[in-house]
Structure formats: structure tokens, C-alpha cells
Amino acid sequence: MADNQLPEVDLKMWAIASQAVAELAGPIILGVVVGYWTGYMATAVVIGTCVGFLGTFIHLILIANRMNRPVNHYKPPESRL
């Protein structure tokens, strides 16, 4: 492998991290927009932060569970037909 290439696992982790940041930042930005539009800036930002944190936390738990799932290496027997 060339020195300037990252292993496949590192690329997957960077993709997961960037997705988590986007999931957290999206509701916060939406909270700022809704807060500006309605006049309840502080409340909307706090609600957006809580929703973003909760959604990101749940998604990261699902990803961790999927990565730790045992792999089934069972191969069915070949057919004799």
C-alpha cells in the first residue's frame, strides 16, 4: 500500500464521523432558522441541539452494534444435482 493512502477502516471511520457531525449540526442550524423566524431563538436552538444530540447518539449506537455483530461464515453445502 502506498504511504499516502489510508486503510479502508480509517476511511469508514472518517465517513461515520463526518455523518455524525452533519447529524448534529443540521438540527442546530434548523433551530436557529426556526428561532429567527418565530422569535424564540434560545428555545429553538436548545430544542434543535437536544434533537440533534439524541439522533446522533442513537445512530452511533446502531452503527456500533452493526460493527460488533458476529459475522456468519456459514456456506451451504453444494448441491449434487
N, C-alpha and C. Protein backbone atom coordinates (compact mmCIF):
# COMPACT_ATOMS: atom_id res chain seq x y z
N MET A 1 0.85 -1.17 0.00
CA MET A 1 0.00 0.00 0.00
C MET A 1 0.90 1.24 0.00
N ALA A 2 0.53 2.22 -0.74
CA ALA A 2 1.30 3.46 -0.77
C ALA A 2 1.19 4.19 0.56
N ASP A 3 2.19 5.00 0.85
CA ASP A 3 2.21 5.72 2.13
C ASP A 3 1.12 6.76 2.25
N ASN A 4 0.65 7.29 1.13
CA ASN A 4 -0.34 8.37 1.19
C ASN A 4 -1.78 7.87 1.20
N GLN A 5 -2.01 6.55 1.21
CA GLN A 5 -3.37 6.00 1.21
C GLN A 5 -3.76 5.57 2.61
N LEU A 6 -4.98 5.86 2.98
CA LEU A 6 -5.49 5.41 4.26
C LEU A 6 -6.09 4.02 4.13
N PRO A 7 -5.97 3.19 5.17
CA PRO A 7 -6.64 1.89 5.12
C PRO A 7 -8.15 2.06 5.02
N GLU A 8 -8.82 1.03 4.54
CA GLU A 8 -10.27 1.09 4.32
C GLU A 8 -11.03 1.36 5.60
N VAL A 9 -10.55 0.81 6.72
CA VAL A 9 -11.23 1.01 8.01
C VAL A 9 -11.17 2.48 8.41
N ASP A 10 -10.02 3.12 8.21
CA ASP A 10 -9.91 4.54 8.54
C ASP A 10 -10.87 5.38 7.72
N LEU A 11 -11.03 5.05 6.44
CA LEU A 11 -11.95 5.79 5.59
C LEU A 11 -13.39 5.62 6.07
N LYS A 12 -13.74 4.41 6.50
CA LYS A 12 -15.09 4.18 7.01
C LYS A 12 -15.32 4.98 8.29
N MET A 13 -14.32 5.03 9.16
CA MET A 13 -14.47 5.78 10.40
C MET A 13 -14.59 7.28 10.13
N TRP A 14 -13.83 7.78 9.17
CA TRP A 14 -13.96 9.20 8.81
C TRP A 14 -15.34 9.49 8.23
N ALA A 15 -15.88 8.57 7.46
CA ALA A 15 -17.22 8.75 6.90
C ALA A 15 -18.27 8.76 8.01
N ILE A 16 -18.12 7.86 8.99
CA ILE A 16 -19.05 7.82 10.11
C ILE A 16 -18.96 9.11 10.93
N ALA A 17 -17.74 9.58 11.16
CA ALA A 17 -17.55 10.80 11.95
C ALA A 17 -18.14 12.02 11.23
N SER A 18 -17.93 12.11 9.92
CA SER A 18 -18.48 13.26 9.20
C SER A 18 -20.00 13.21 9.16
N GLN A 19 -20.57 12.01 9.08
CA GLN A 19 -22.02 11.89 9.10
C GLN A 19 -22.57 12.28 10.47
N ALA A 20 -21.87 11.90 11.54
CA ALA A 20 -22.31 12.26 12.89
C ALA A 20 -22.28 13.77 13.09
N VAL A 21 -21.25 14.42 12.58
CA VAL A 21 -21.17 15.88 12.69
C VAL A 21 -22.31 16.54 11.93
N ALA A 22 -22.62 16.03 10.75
CA ALA A 22 -23.73 16.59 9.96
C ALA A 22 -25.06 16.36 10.66
N GLU A 23 -25.23 15.18 11.29
CA GLU A 23 -26.48 14.90 12.00
C GLU A 23 -26.64 15.79 13.22
N LEU A 24 -25.55 16.18 13.82
CA LEU A 24 -25.62 17.05 14.99
C LEU A 24 -25.81 18.51 14.59
N ALA A 25 -25.13 18.92 13.53
CA ALA A 25 -25.18 20.33 13.12
C ALA A 25 -26.49 20.68 12.42
N GLY A 26 -27.08 19.74 11.71
CA GLY A 26 -28.31 20.02 10.95
C GLY A 26 -29.45 20.52 11.82
N PRO A 27 -29.82 19.80 12.89
CA PRO A 27 -30.92 20.30 13.73
C PRO A 27 -30.59 21.61 14.46
N ILE A 28 -29.32 21.84 14.76
CA ILE A 28 -28.95 23.10 15.40
C ILE A 28 -29.18 24.26 14.43
N ILE A 29 -28.74 24.08 13.20
CA ILE A 29 -28.95 25.13 12.19
C ILE A 29 -30.43 25.33 11.93
N LEU A 30 -31.17 24.23 11.86
CA LEU A 30 -32.63 24.33 11.69
C LEU A 30 -33.25 25.06 12.88
N GLY A 31 -32.75 24.80 14.10
CA GLY A 31 -33.25 25.50 15.28
C GLY A 31 -32.97 27.00 15.22
N VAL A 32 -31.82 27.37 14.70
CA VAL A 32 -31.50 28.80 14.54
C VAL A 32 -32.45 29.45 13.54
N VAL A 33 -32.70 28.78 12.43
CA VAL A 33 -33.60 29.33 11.41
C VAL A 33 -35.02 29.46 11.95
N VAL A 34 -35.51 28.40 12.60
CA VAL A 34 -36.86 28.44 13.16
C VAL A 34 -36.94 29.48 14.27
N GLY A 35 -35.91 29.57 15.10
CA GLY A 35 -35.89 30.56 16.17
C GLY A 35 -35.90 31.98 15.65
N TYR A 36 -35.16 32.23 14.58
CA TYR A 36 -35.14 33.55 13.98
C TYR A 36 -36.50 33.89 13.39
N TRP A 37 -37.13 32.90 12.78
CA TRP A 37 -38.41 33.11 12.12
C TRP A 37 -39.53 33.31 13.13
N THR A 38 -39.51 32.57 14.25
CA THR A 38 -40.58 32.66 15.24
C THR A 38 -40.32 33.66 16.35
N GLY A 39 -39.06 34.02 16.56
CA GLY A 39 -38.74 34.95 17.64
C GLY A 39 -38.37 34.27 18.94
N TYR A 40 -38.34 32.95 18.97
CA TYR A 40 -37.95 32.17 20.16
C TYR A 40 -36.59 31.53 19.92
N MET A 41 -35.57 32.37 19.75
CA MET A 41 -34.26 31.89 19.34
C MET A 41 -33.68 30.89 20.34
N ALA A 42 -33.63 31.24 21.61
CA ALA A 42 -32.98 30.38 22.60
C ALA A 42 -33.69 29.03 22.71
N THR A 43 -35.00 29.05 22.76
CA THR A 43 -35.76 27.81 22.90
C THR A 43 -35.57 26.92 21.68
N ALA A 44 -35.63 27.48 20.50
CA ALA A 44 -35.49 26.68 19.28
C ALA A 44 -34.09 26.09 19.15
N VAL A 45 -33.07 26.85 19.54
CA VAL A 45 -31.71 26.34 19.46
C VAL A 45 -31.49 25.20 20.46
N VAL A 46 -32.02 25.35 21.66
CA VAL A 46 -31.89 24.29 22.67
C VAL A 46 -32.63 23.03 22.22
N ILE A 47 -33.83 23.19 21.69
CA ILE A 47 -34.58 22.02 21.19
C ILE A 47 -33.84 21.38 20.02
N GLY A 48 -33.32 22.18 19.09
CA GLY A 48 -32.55 21.64 17.97
C GLY A 48 -31.30 20.92 18.43
N THR A 49 -30.63 21.45 19.44
CA THR A 49 -29.44 20.79 19.97
C THR A 49 -29.78 19.46 20.60
N CYS A 50 -30.86 19.43 21.37
CA CYS A 50 -31.27 18.17 22.02
C CYS A 50 -31.68 17.13 20.99
N VAL A 51 -32.43 17.53 19.99
CA VAL A 51 -32.85 16.60 18.94
C VAL A 51 -31.64 16.09 18.17
N GLY A 52 -30.71 16.98 17.83
CA GLY A 52 -29.51 16.57 17.12
C GLY A 52 -28.64 15.62 17.93
N PHE A 53 -28.47 15.93 19.22
CA PHE A 53 -27.66 15.06 20.08
C PHE A 53 -28.30 13.69 20.23
N LEU A 54 -29.60 13.67 20.46
CA LEU A 54 -30.31 12.40 20.64
C LEU A 54 -30.26 11.56 19.36
N GLY A 55 -30.52 12.18 18.23
CA GLY A 55 -30.48 11.46 16.96
C GLY A 55 -29.10 10.93 16.64
N THR A 56 -28.07 11.73 16.88
CA THR A 56 -26.70 11.29 16.63
C THR A 56 -26.31 10.16 17.57
N PHE A 57 -26.68 10.27 18.83
CA PHE A 57 -26.37 9.25 19.82
C PHE A 57 -27.00 7.91 19.44
N ILE A 58 -28.28 7.94 19.06
CA ILE A 58 -28.97 6.71 18.67
C ILE A 58 -28.33 6.11 17.42
N HIS A 59 -28.00 6.96 16.45
CA HIS A 59 -27.41 6.46 15.22
C HIS A 59 -26.03 5.85 15.47
N LEU A 60 -25.21 6.46 16.33
CA LEU A 60 -23.90 5.91 16.63
C LEU A 60 -24.01 4.58 17.37
N ILE A 61 -25.01 4.43 18.23
CA ILE A 61 -25.23 3.15 18.90
C ILE A 61 -25.60 2.08 17.88
N LEU A 62 -26.46 2.41 16.93
CA LEU A 62 -26.83 1.45 15.89
C LEU A 62 -25.63 1.05 15.04
N ILE A 63 -24.77 2.01 14.71
CA ILE A 63 -23.58 1.71 13.93
C ILE A 63 -22.64 0.81 14.73
N ALA A 64 -22.45 1.11 16.02
CA ALA A 64 -21.57 0.29 16.86
C ALA A 64 -22.10 -1.14 16.98
N ASN A 65 -23.40 -1.28 17.14
CA ASN A 65 -23.98 -2.62 17.21
C ASN A 65 -23.81 -3.38 15.91
N ARG A 66 -23.95 -2.69 14.79
CA ARG A 66 -23.79 -3.33 13.49
C ARG A 66 -22.34 -3.75 13.27
N MET A 67 -21.39 -2.94 13.73
CA MET A 67 -19.97 -3.27 13.54
C MET A 67 -19.53 -4.42 14.45
N ASN A 68 -20.20 -4.60 15.59
CA ASN A 68 -19.83 -5.65 16.53
C ASN A 68 -20.62 -6.93 16.34
N ARG A 69 -21.51 -6.96 15.37
CA ARG A 69 -22.32 -8.14 15.11
C ARG A 69 -21.42 -9.26 14.60
N PRO A 70 -21.59 -10.48 15.11
CA PRO A 70 -20.75 -11.58 14.62
C PRO A 70 -21.06 -11.87 13.14
N VAL A 71 -20.02 -12.22 12.44
CA VAL A 71 -20.15 -12.49 11.02
C VAL A 71 -20.44 -13.97 10.84
N ASN A 72 -21.42 -14.26 10.02
CA ASN A 72 -21.79 -15.64 9.75
C ASN A 72 -20.98 -16.14 8.56
N HIS A 73 -20.08 -17.07 8.81
CA HIS A 73 -19.24 -17.60 7.74
C HIS A 73 -19.77 -18.93 7.21
N TYR A 74 -21.01 -19.23 7.49
CA TYR A 74 -21.59 -20.49 7.05
C TYR A 74 -21.79 -20.49 5.55
N LYS A 75 -21.34 -21.54 4.92
CA LYS A 75 -21.56 -21.72 3.48
C LYS A 75 -22.43 -22.97 3.32
N PRO A 76 -23.54 -22.85 2.62
CA PRO A 76 -24.39 -24.03 2.43
C PRO A 76 -23.65 -25.10 1.61
N PRO A 77 -23.96 -26.34 1.86
CA PRO A 77 -23.30 -27.40 1.09
C PRO A 77 -23.68 -27.30 -0.38
N GLU A 78 -22.77 -27.74 -1.21
CA GLU A 78 -23.00 -27.68 -2.65
C GLU A 78 -24.04 -28.71 -3.06
N SER A 79 -24.84 -28.36 -4.00
CA SER A 79 -25.86 -29.26 -4.50
C SER A 79 -25.24 -30.37 -5.34
N ARG A 80 -25.78 -31.55 -5.26
CA ARG A 80 -25.24 -32.68 -6.03
C ARG A 80 -26.10 -32.99 -7.25
N LEU A 81 -26.89 -32.06 -7.68
CA LEU A 81 -27.74 -32.29 -8.85
C LEU A 81 -27.00 -32.15 -10.13
